[in-house]
C-alpha cells in the first residue's frame, strides 16, 4: 500500500522528489504520514477534500484483504498535521 500511495502522490505534485511517506503499523490499521512541499498540499487534498478521500478509499480497498483500515495524515513542515483523513 505504501508504494502505491507514494506513486500516486508523486504523480499529483509538482515536486515529486520531496514526497515522503512513512508507514506506522497499528493493530488493525495502518497510518501513513505524508509530507509534501507546502505548495503541493492543496493538490493532495483536492477540491473539497475529494482527492484525499479518493486516496483513502483506494487504500482501504487494497487493505480489505488483510482487514486493515488505512489512515492518511498530511504533515506540515513543523511536524504539525495540516489535515487528518481517517477512514
PDB file of N, CA and C in Angstrom:
ATOM      1  N   UNK A   1       0.816  -1.190   0.000  1.00  0.00           N
ATOM      2  CA  UNK A   1       0.000   0.000   0.000  1.00  0.00           C
ATOM      3  C   UNK A   1       0.861   1.255   0.000  1.00  0.00           C
ATOM      4  N   UNK A   2       1.970   1.222   0.734  1.00  0.00           N
ATOM      5  CA  UNK A   2       2.835   2.399   0.819  1.00  0.00           C
ATOM      6  C   UNK A   2       3.392   2.775  -0.556  1.00  0.00           C
ATOM      7  N   UNK A   3       3.847   1.781  -1.303  1.00  0.00           N
ATOM      8  CA  UNK A   3       4.411   2.045  -2.627  1.00  0.00           C
ATOM      9  C   UNK A   3       3.367   2.641  -3.568  1.00  0.00           C
ATOM     10  N   UNK A   4       2.147   2.136  -3.476  1.00  0.00           N
ATOM     11  CA  UNK A   4       1.056   2.659  -4.295  1.00  0.00           C
ATOM     12  C   UNK A   4       0.790   4.121  -3.949  1.00  0.00           C
ATOM     13  N   UNK A   5       0.705   4.424  -2.651  1.00  0.00           N
ATOM     14  CA  UNK A   5       0.451   5.794  -2.217  1.00  0.00           C
ATOM     15  C   UNK A   5       1.563   6.728  -2.675  1.00  0.00           C
ATOM     16  N   UNK A   6       2.812   6.304  -2.524  1.00  0.00           N
ATOM     17  CA  UNK A   6       3.941   7.134  -2.983  1.00  0.00           C
ATOM     18  C   UNK A   6       3.857   7.403  -4.479  1.00  0.00           C
ATOM     19  N   UNK A   7       3.539   6.366  -5.245  1.00  0.00           N
ATOM     20  CA  UNK A   7       3.446   6.523  -6.695  1.00  0.00           C
ATOM     21  C   UNK A   7       2.374   7.556  -7.061  1.00  0.00           C
ATOM     22  N   UNK A   8       1.192   7.416  -6.493  1.00  0.00           N
ATOM     23  CA  UNK A   8       0.092   8.325  -6.816  1.00  0.00           C
ATOM     24  C   UNK A   8       0.436   9.749  -6.403  1.00  0.00           C
ATOM     25  N   UNK A   9       0.979   9.914  -5.213  1.00  0.00           N
ATOM     26  CA  UNK A   9       1.327  11.258  -4.746  1.00  0.00           C
ATOM     27  C   UNK A   9       2.378  11.910  -5.637  1.00  0.00           C
ATOM     28  N   UNK A  10       3.365  11.142  -6.057  1.00  0.00           N
ATOM     29  CA  UNK A  10       4.412  11.711  -6.929  1.00  0.00           C
ATOM     30  C   UNK A  10       3.847  12.153  -8.274  1.00  0.00           C
ATOM     31  N   UNK A  11       2.808  11.491  -8.719  1.00  0.00           N
ATOM     32  CA  UNK A  11       2.174  11.889  -9.977  1.00  0.00           C
ATOM     33  C   UNK A  11       1.304  13.131  -9.812  1.00  0.00           C
ATOM     34  N   UNK A  12       0.838  13.396  -8.595  1.00  0.00           N
ATOM     35  CA  UNK A  12      -0.048  14.539  -8.345  1.00  0.00           C
ATOM     36  C   UNK A  12       0.686  15.860  -8.152  1.00  0.00           C
ATOM     37  N   UNK A  13       1.856  15.822  -7.535  1.00  0.00           N
ATOM     38  CA  UNK A  13       2.512  17.042  -7.077  1.00  0.00           C
ATOM     39  C   UNK A  13       3.506  17.599  -8.095  1.00  0.00           C
ATOM     40  N   UNK A  14       3.896  18.849  -7.876  1.00  0.00           N
ATOM     41  CA  UNK A  14       4.887  19.495  -8.733  1.00  0.00           C
ATOM     42  C   UNK A  14       6.315  19.113  -8.355  1.00  0.00           C
ATOM     43  N   UNK A  15       6.528  18.704  -7.100  1.00  0.00           N
ATOM     44  CA  UNK A  15       7.865  18.359  -6.610  1.00  0.00           C
ATOM     45  C   UNK A  15       7.875  16.911  -6.116  1.00  0.00           C
ATOM     46  N   UNK A  16       7.876  15.948  -7.041  1.00  0.00           N
ATOM     47  CA  UNK A  16       7.777  14.538  -6.649  1.00  0.00           C
ATOM     48  C   UNK A  16       8.955  14.035  -5.820  1.00  0.00           C
ATOM     49  N   UNK A  17      10.114  14.647  -5.961  1.00  0.00           N
ATOM     50  CA  UNK A  17      11.274  14.205  -5.183  1.00  0.00           C
ATOM     51  C   UNK A  17      11.144  14.544  -3.701  1.00  0.00           C
ATOM     52  N   UNK A  18      10.208  15.424  -3.361  1.00  0.00           N
ATOM     53  CA  UNK A  18      10.031  15.840  -1.973  1.00  0.00           C
ATOM     54  C   UNK A  18       8.905  15.080  -1.265  1.00  0.00           C
ATOM     55  N   UNK A  19       8.321  14.109  -1.928  1.00  0.00           N
ATOM     56  CA  UNK A  19       7.260  13.305  -1.310  1.00  0.00           C
ATOM     57  C   UNK A  19       7.897  12.306  -0.357  1.00  0.00           C
ATOM     58  N   UNK A  20       7.400  12.296   0.869  1.00  0.00           N
ATOM     59  CA  UNK A  20       7.869  11.347   1.870  1.00  0.00           C
ATOM     60  C   UNK A  20       6.653  10.695   2.508  1.00  0.00           C
ATOM     61  N   UNK A  21       6.621   9.378   2.511  1.00  0.00           N
ATOM     62  CA  UNK A  21       5.530   8.623   3.130  1.00  0.00           C
ATOM     63  C   UNK A  21       6.134   7.700   4.174  1.00  0.00           C
ATOM     64  N   UNK A  22       5.665   7.839   5.403  1.00  0.00           N
ATOM     65  CA  UNK A  22       6.115   6.983   6.497  1.00  0.00           C
ATOM     66  C   UNK A  22       4.928   6.131   6.926  1.00  0.00           C
ATOM     67  N   UNK A  23       5.150   4.831   6.967  1.00  0.00           N
ATOM     68  CA  UNK A  23       4.095   3.889   7.353  1.00  0.00           C
ATOM     69  C   UNK A  23       4.236   3.551   8.831  1.00  0.00           C
ATOM     70  N   UNK A  24       3.152   3.752   9.574  1.00  0.00           N
ATOM     71  CA  UNK A  24       3.130   3.444  11.001  1.00  0.00           C
ATOM     72  C   UNK A  24       2.092   2.339  11.213  1.00  0.00           C
ATOM     73  N   UNK A  25       2.537   1.093  11.359  1.00  0.00           N
ATOM     74  CA  UNK A  25       1.585  -0.007  11.536  1.00  0.00           C
ATOM     75  C   UNK A  25       0.912   0.048  12.907  1.00  0.00           C
ATOM     76  N   UNK A  26      -0.344  -0.322  12.914  1.00  0.00           N
ATOM     77  CA  UNK A  26      -1.109  -0.429  14.146  1.00  0.00           C
ATOM     78  C   UNK A  26      -1.781  -1.788  14.155  1.00  0.00           C
ATOM     79  N   UNK A  27      -2.489  -2.105  15.218  1.00  0.00           N
ATOM     80  CA  UNK A  27      -3.048  -3.449  15.364  1.00  0.00           C
ATOM     81  C   UNK A  27      -4.005  -3.818  14.233  1.00  0.00           C
ATOM     82  N   UNK A  28      -4.998  -2.990  13.971  1.00  0.00           N
ATOM     83  CA  UNK A  28      -5.982  -3.301  12.926  1.00  0.00           C
ATOM     84  C   UNK A  28      -6.024  -2.231  11.839  1.00  0.00           C
ATOM     85  N   UNK A  29      -4.996  -1.410  11.789  1.00  0.00           N
ATOM     86  CA  UNK A  29      -4.970  -0.355  10.792  1.00  0.00           C
ATOM     87  C   UNK A  29      -3.528   0.030  10.500  1.00  0.00           C
ATOM     88  N   UNK A  30      -3.380   0.934   9.581  1.00  0.00           N
ATOM     89  CA  UNK A  30      -2.056   1.464   9.266  1.00  0.00           C
ATOM     90  C   UNK A  30      -2.210   2.966   9.041  1.00  0.00           C
ATOM     91  N   UNK A  31      -1.278   3.720   9.584  1.00  0.00           N
ATOM     92  CA  UNK A  31      -1.268   5.168   9.435  1.00  0.00           C
ATOM     93  C   UNK A  31      -0.157   5.530   8.463  1.00  0.00           C
ATOM     94  N   UNK A  32      -0.493   6.329   7.471  1.00  0.00           N
ATOM     95  CA  UNK A  32       0.501   6.840   6.526  1.00  0.00           C
ATOM     96  C   UNK A  32       0.682   8.321   6.802  1.00  0.00           C
ATOM     97  N   UNK A  33       1.885   8.692   7.222  1.00  0.00           N
ATOM     98  CA  UNK A  33       2.212  10.102   7.411  1.00  0.00           C
ATOM     99  C   UNK A  33       2.855  10.590   6.129  1.00  0.00           C
ATOM    100  N   UNK A  34       2.245  11.595   5.535  1.00  0.00           N
ATOM    101  CA  UNK A  34       2.669  12.103   4.228  1.00  0.00           C
ATOM    102  C   UNK A  34       3.226  13.504   4.389  1.00  0.00           C
ATOM    103  N   UNK A  35       4.399  13.718   3.815  1.00  0.00           N
ATOM    104  CA  UNK A  35       4.989  15.050   3.803  1.00  0.00           C
ATOM    105  C   UNK A  35       5.262  15.430   2.356  1.00  0.00           C
ATOM    106  N   UNK A  36       4.736  16.588   1.961  1.00  0.00           N
ATOM    107  CA  UNK A  36       4.978  17.147   0.631  1.00  0.00           C
ATOM    108  C   UNK A  36       5.328  18.616   0.817  1.00  0.00           C
ATOM    109  N   UNK A  37       5.836  19.229  -0.221  1.00  0.00           N
ATOM    110  CA  UNK A  37       6.140  20.657  -0.162  1.00  0.00           C
ATOM    111  C   UNK A  37       4.843  21.415   0.125  1.00  0.00           C
ATOM    112  N   UNK A  38       4.933  22.483   0.876  1.00  0.00           N
ATOM    113  CA  UNK A  38       3.733  23.220   1.299  1.00  0.00           C
ATOM    114  C   UNK A  38       2.889  23.690   0.115  1.00  0.00           C
ATOM    115  N   UNK A  39       3.521  23.974  -1.016  1.00  0.00           N
ATOM    116  CA  UNK A  39       2.759  24.403  -2.190  1.00  0.00           C
ATOM    117  C   UNK A  39       1.989  23.263  -2.835  1.00  0.00           C
ATOM    118  N   UNK A  40       2.320  22.015  -2.477  1.00  0.00           N
ATOM    119  CA  UNK A  40       1.647  20.847  -3.046  1.00  0.00           C
ATOM    120  C   UNK A  40       0.544  20.277  -2.158  1.00  0.00           C
ATOM    121  N   UNK A  41       0.411  20.794  -0.952  1.00  0.00           N
ATOM    122  CA  UNK A  41      -0.592  20.254  -0.025  1.00  0.00           C
ATOM    123  C   UNK A  41      -1.994  20.350  -0.615  1.00  0.00           C
ATOM    124  N   UNK A  42      -2.308  21.461  -1.241  1.00  0.00           N
ATOM    125  CA  UNK A  42      -3.635  21.638  -1.842  1.00  0.00           C
ATOM    126  C   UNK A  42      -3.924  20.621  -2.926  1.00  0.00           C
ATOM    127  N   UNK A  43      -2.919  20.237  -3.670  1.00  0.00           N
ATOM    128  CA  UNK A  43      -3.098  19.236  -4.721  1.00  0.00           C
ATOM    129  C   UNK A  43      -3.396  17.868  -4.138  1.00  0.00           C
ATOM    130  N   UNK A  44      -2.782  17.566  -3.004  1.00  0.00           N
ATOM    131  CA  UNK A  44      -3.009  16.275  -2.357  1.00  0.00           C
ATOM    132  C   UNK A  44      -4.397  16.228  -1.731  1.00  0.00           C
ATOM    133  N   UNK A  45      -4.818  17.320  -1.123  1.00  0.00           N
ATOM    134  CA  UNK A  45      -6.141  17.363  -0.502  1.00  0.00           C
ATOM    135  C   UNK A  45      -7.235  17.446  -1.565  1.00  0.00           C
ATOM    136  N   UNK A  46      -7.048  18.300  -2.557  1.00  0.00           N
ATOM    137  CA  UNK A  46      -8.016  18.439  -3.638  1.00  0.00           C
ATOM    138  C   UNK A  46      -9.186  19.345  -3.267  1.00  0.00           C
ATOM    139  N   UNK A  47     -10.003  19.604  -4.256  1.00  0.00           N
ATOM    140  CA  UNK A  47     -11.168  20.463  -4.059  1.00  0.00           C
ATOM    141  C   UNK A  47     -12.141  19.755  -3.125  1.00  0.00           C
ATOM    142  N   UNK A  48     -12.488  20.425  -2.046  1.00  0.00           N
ATOM    143  CA  UNK A  48     -13.393  19.898  -1.021  1.00  0.00           C
ATOM    144  C   UNK A  48     -12.941  18.539  -0.490  1.00  0.00           C
ATOM    145  N   UNK A  49     -11.631  18.282  -0.513  1.00  0.00           N
ATOM    146  CA  UNK A  49     -11.090  17.043   0.039  1.00  0.00           C
ATOM    147  C   UNK A  49     -11.340  15.806  -0.797  1.00  0.00           C
ATOM    148  N   UNK A  50     -11.705  15.991  -2.043  1.00  0.00           N
ATOM    149  CA  UNK A  50     -12.059  14.840  -2.882  1.00  0.00           C
ATOM    150  C   UNK A  50     -10.866  13.957  -3.218  1.00  0.00           C
ATOM    151  N   UNK A  51      -9.708  14.552  -3.458  1.00  0.00           N
ATOM    152  CA  UNK A  51      -8.529  13.762  -3.824  1.00  0.00           C
ATOM    153  C   UNK A  51      -8.081  12.890  -2.659  1.00  0.00           C
ATOM    154  N   UNK A  52      -7.987  13.474  -1.474  1.00  0.00           N
ATOM    155  CA  UNK A  52      -7.554  12.699  -0.307  1.00  0.00           C
ATOM    156  C   UNK A  52      -8.597  11.644   0.043  1.00  0.00           C
ATOM    157  N   UNK A  53      -9.859  11.952  -0.145  1.00  0.00           N
ATOM    158  CA  UNK A  53     -10.919  10.968   0.117  1.00  0.00           C
ATOM    159  C   UNK A  53     -10.816   9.801  -0.861  1.00  0.00           C
ATOM    160  N   UNK A  54     -10.496  10.083  -2.110  1.00  0.00           N
ATOM    161  CA  UNK A  54     -10.331   9.022  -3.103  1.00  0.00           C
ATOM    162  C   UNK A  54      -9.126   8.158  -2.781  1.00  0.00           C
ATOM    163  N   UNK A  55      -8.035   8.779  -2.378  1.00  0.00           N
ATOM    164  CA  UNK A  55      -6.844   8.015  -1.983  1.00  0.00           C
ATOM    165  C   UNK A  55      -7.160   7.102  -0.800  1.00  0.00           C
ATOM    166  N   UNK A  56      -7.879   7.637   0.158  1.00  0.00           N
ATOM    167  CA  UNK A  56      -8.263   6.856   1.334  1.00  0.00           C
ATOM    168  C   UNK A  56      -9.124   5.660   0.929  1.00  0.00           C
ATOM    169  N   UNK A  57     -10.066   5.873   0.024  1.00  0.00           N
ATOM    170  CA  UNK A  57     -10.919   4.779  -0.442  1.00  0.00           C
ATOM    171  C   UNK A  57     -10.116   3.700  -1.159  1.00  0.00           C
ATOM    172  N   UNK A  58      -9.189   4.109  -1.996  1.00  0.00           N
ATOM    173  CA  UNK A  58      -8.353   3.142  -2.710  1.00  0.00           C
ATOM    174  C   UNK A  58      -7.476   2.339  -1.754  1.00  0.00           C
ATOM    175  N   UNK A  59      -6.902   3.010  -0.770  1.00  0.00           N
ATOM    176  CA  UNK A  59      -6.066   2.309   0.203  1.00  0.00           C
ATOM    177  C   UNK A  59      -6.885   1.335   1.041  1.00  0.00           C
ATOM    178  N   UNK A  60      -8.095   1.731   1.411  1.00  0.00           N
ATOM    179  CA  UNK A  60      -8.945   0.829   2.185  1.00  0.00           C
ATOM    180  C   UNK A  60      -9.379  -0.368   1.358  1.00  0.00           C
ATOM    181  N   UNK A  61      -9.596  -0.167   0.064  1.00  0.00           N
ATOM    182  CA  UNK A  61      -9.924  -1.295  -0.811  1.00  0.00           C
ATOM    183  C   UNK A  61      -8.731  -2.243  -0.904  1.00  0.00           C
ATOM    184  N   UNK A  62      -7.535  -1.681  -0.997  1.00  0.00           N
ATOM    185  CA  UNK A  62      -6.330  -2.510  -1.065  1.00  0.00           C
ATOM    186  C   UNK A  62      -6.093  -3.249   0.248  1.00  0.00           C
ATOM    187  N   UNK A  63      -6.449  -2.639   1.357  1.00  0.00           N
ATOM    188  CA  UNK A  63      -6.243  -3.261   2.652  1.00  0.00           C
ATOM    189  C   UNK A  63      -7.368  -4.181   3.091  1.00  0.00           C
ATOM    190  N   UNK A  64      -8.400  -4.296   2.284  1.00  0.00           N
ATOM    191  CA  UNK A  64      -9.550  -5.121   2.657  1.00  0.00           C
ATOM    192  C   UNK A  64      -9.174  -6.594   2.814  1.00  0.00           C
ATOM    193  N   UNK A  65      -8.258  -7.060   2.007  1.00  0.00           N
ATOM    194  CA  UNK A  65      -7.834  -8.458   2.116  1.00  0.00           C
ATOM    195  C   UNK A  65      -7.266  -8.783   3.482  1.00  0.00           C
ATOM    196  N   UNK A  66      -6.460  -7.882   3.983  1.00  0.00           N
ATOM    197  CA  UNK A  66      -5.830  -8.111   5.281  1.00  0.00           C
ATOM    198  C   UNK A  66      -6.649  -7.518   6.433  1.00  0.00           C
ATOM    199  N   UNK A  67      -7.830  -7.006   6.121  1.00  0.00           N
ATOM    200  CA  UNK A  67      -8.740  -6.412   7.104  1.00  0.00           C
ATOM    201  C   UNK A  67      -8.071  -5.295   7.897  1.00  0.00           C
ATOM    202  N   UNK A  68      -7.337  -4.438   7.176  1.00  0.00           N
ATOM    203  CA  UNK A  68      -6.669  -3.291   7.798  1.00  0.00           C
ATOM    204  C   UNK A  68      -7.187  -2.007   7.175  1.00  0.00           C
ATOM    205  N   UNK A  69      -7.584  -1.081   8.002  1.00  0.00           N
ATOM    206  CA  UNK A  69      -8.009   0.224   7.517  1.00  0.00           C
ATOM    207  C   UNK A  69      -6.788   1.123   7.365  1.00  0.00           C
ATOM    208  N   UNK A  70      -6.908   2.072   6.474  1.00  0.00           N
ATOM    209  CA  UNK A  70      -5.803   2.995   6.227  1.00  0.00           C
ATOM    210  C   UNK A  70      -6.204   4.409   6.645  1.00  0.00           C
ATOM    211  N   UNK A  71      -5.283   5.078   7.304  1.00  0.00           N
ATOM    212  CA  UNK A  71      -5.456   6.467   7.695  1.00  0.00           C
ATOM    213  C   UNK A  71      -4.318   7.256   7.058  1.00  0.00           C
ATOM    214  N   UNK A  72      -4.642   8.452   6.580  1.00  0.00           N
ATOM    215  CA  UNK A  72      -3.631   9.305   5.957  1.00  0.00           C
ATOM    216  C   UNK A  72      -3.563  10.608   6.735  1.00  0.00           C
ATOM    217  N   UNK A  73      -2.359  10.990   7.101  1.00  0.00           N
ATOM    218  CA  UNK A  73      -2.130  12.237   7.821  1.00  0.00           C
ATOM    219  C   UNK A  73      -1.135  13.054   7.002  1.00  0.00           C
ATOM    220  N   UNK A  74      -1.530  14.248   6.614  1.00  0.00           N
ATOM    221  CA  UNK A  74      -0.648  15.128   5.855  1.00  0.00           C
ATOM    222  C   UNK A  74       0.048  16.049   6.853  1.00  0.00           C
ATOM    223  N   UNK A  75       1.371  16.013   6.822  1.00  0.00           N
ATOM    224  CA  UNK A  75       2.164  16.767   7.794  1.00  0.00           C
ATOM    225  C   UNK A  75       2.644  18.090   7.196  1.00  0.00           C
ATOM    226  N   UNK A  76       2.581  19.131   8.015  1.00  0.00           N
ATOM    227  CA  UNK A  76       3.165  20.410   7.633  1.00  0.00           C
ATOM    228  C   UNK A  76       4.651  20.377   7.941  1.00  0.00           C
ATOM    229  N   UNK A  77       5.342  21.400   7.547  1.00  0.00           N
ATOM    230  CA  UNK A  77       6.788  21.443   7.722  1.00  0.00           C
ATOM    231  C   UNK A  77       7.223  21.421   9.183  1.00  0.00           C
ATOM    232  N   UNK A  78       6.403  21.879  10.108  1.00  0.00           N
ATOM    233  CA  UNK A  78       6.770  21.933  11.519  1.00  0.00           C
ATOM    234  C   UNK A  78       6.285  20.704  12.289  1.00  0.00           C
ATOM    235  N   UNK A  79       6.062  19.577  11.622  1.00  0.00           N
ATOM    236  CA  UNK A  79       5.568  18.343  12.225  1.00  0.00           C
ATOM    237  C   UNK A  79       4.164  18.488  12.790  1.00  0.00           C
ATOM    238  N   UNK A  80       3.422  19.459  12.314  1.00  0.00           N
ATOM    239  CA  UNK A  80       2.043  19.632  12.740  1.00  0.00           C
ATOM    240  C   UNK A  80       1.139  19.076  11.650  1.00  0.00           C
ATOM    241  N   UNK A  81       0.125  18.290  11.989  1.00  0.00           N
ATOM    242  CA  UNK A  81      -0.762  17.792  10.955  1.00  0.00           C
ATOM    243  C   UNK A  81      -1.554  18.930  10.319  1.00  0.00           C
ATOM    244  N   UNK A  82      -1.533  19.003   8.996  1.00  0.00           N
ATOM    245  CA  UNK A  82      -2.292  20.016   8.281  1.00  0.00           C
ATOM    246  C   UNK A  82      -3.729  19.562   8.090  1.00  0.00           C
ATOM    247  N   UNK A  83      -3.893  18.275   7.829  1.00  0.00           N
ATOM    248  CA  UNK A  83      -5.211  17.716   7.586  1.00  0.00           C
ATOM    249  C   UNK A  83      -5.118  16.246   7.922  1.00  0.00           C
ATOM    250  N   UNK A  84      -6.056  15.765   8.680  1.00  0.00           N
ATOM    251  CA  UNK A  84      -6.052  14.359   9.032  1.00  0.00           C
ATOM    252  C   UNK A  84      -7.261  13.712   8.381  1.00  0.00           C
ATOM    253  N   UNK A  85      -7.006  12.650   7.629  1.00  0.00           N
ATOM    254  CA  UNK A  85      -8.073  11.948   6.931  1.00  0.00           C
ATOM    255  C   UNK A  85      -8.172  10.545   7.507  1.00  0.00           C
ATOM    256  N   UNK A  86      -9.252  10.253   8.159  1.00  0.00           N
ATOM    257  CA  UNK A  86      -9.448   8.928   8.756  1.00  0.00           C
ATOM    258  C   UNK A  86     -10.492   8.164   7.976  1.00  0.00           C
ATOM    259  N   UNK A  87     -10.264   6.893   7.873  1.00  0.00           N
ATOM    260  CA  UNK A  87     -11.222   6.040   7.177  1.00  0.00           C
ATOM    261  C   UNK A  87     -12.303   5.615   8.122  1.00  0.00           C
TER     262      UNK A  87
END
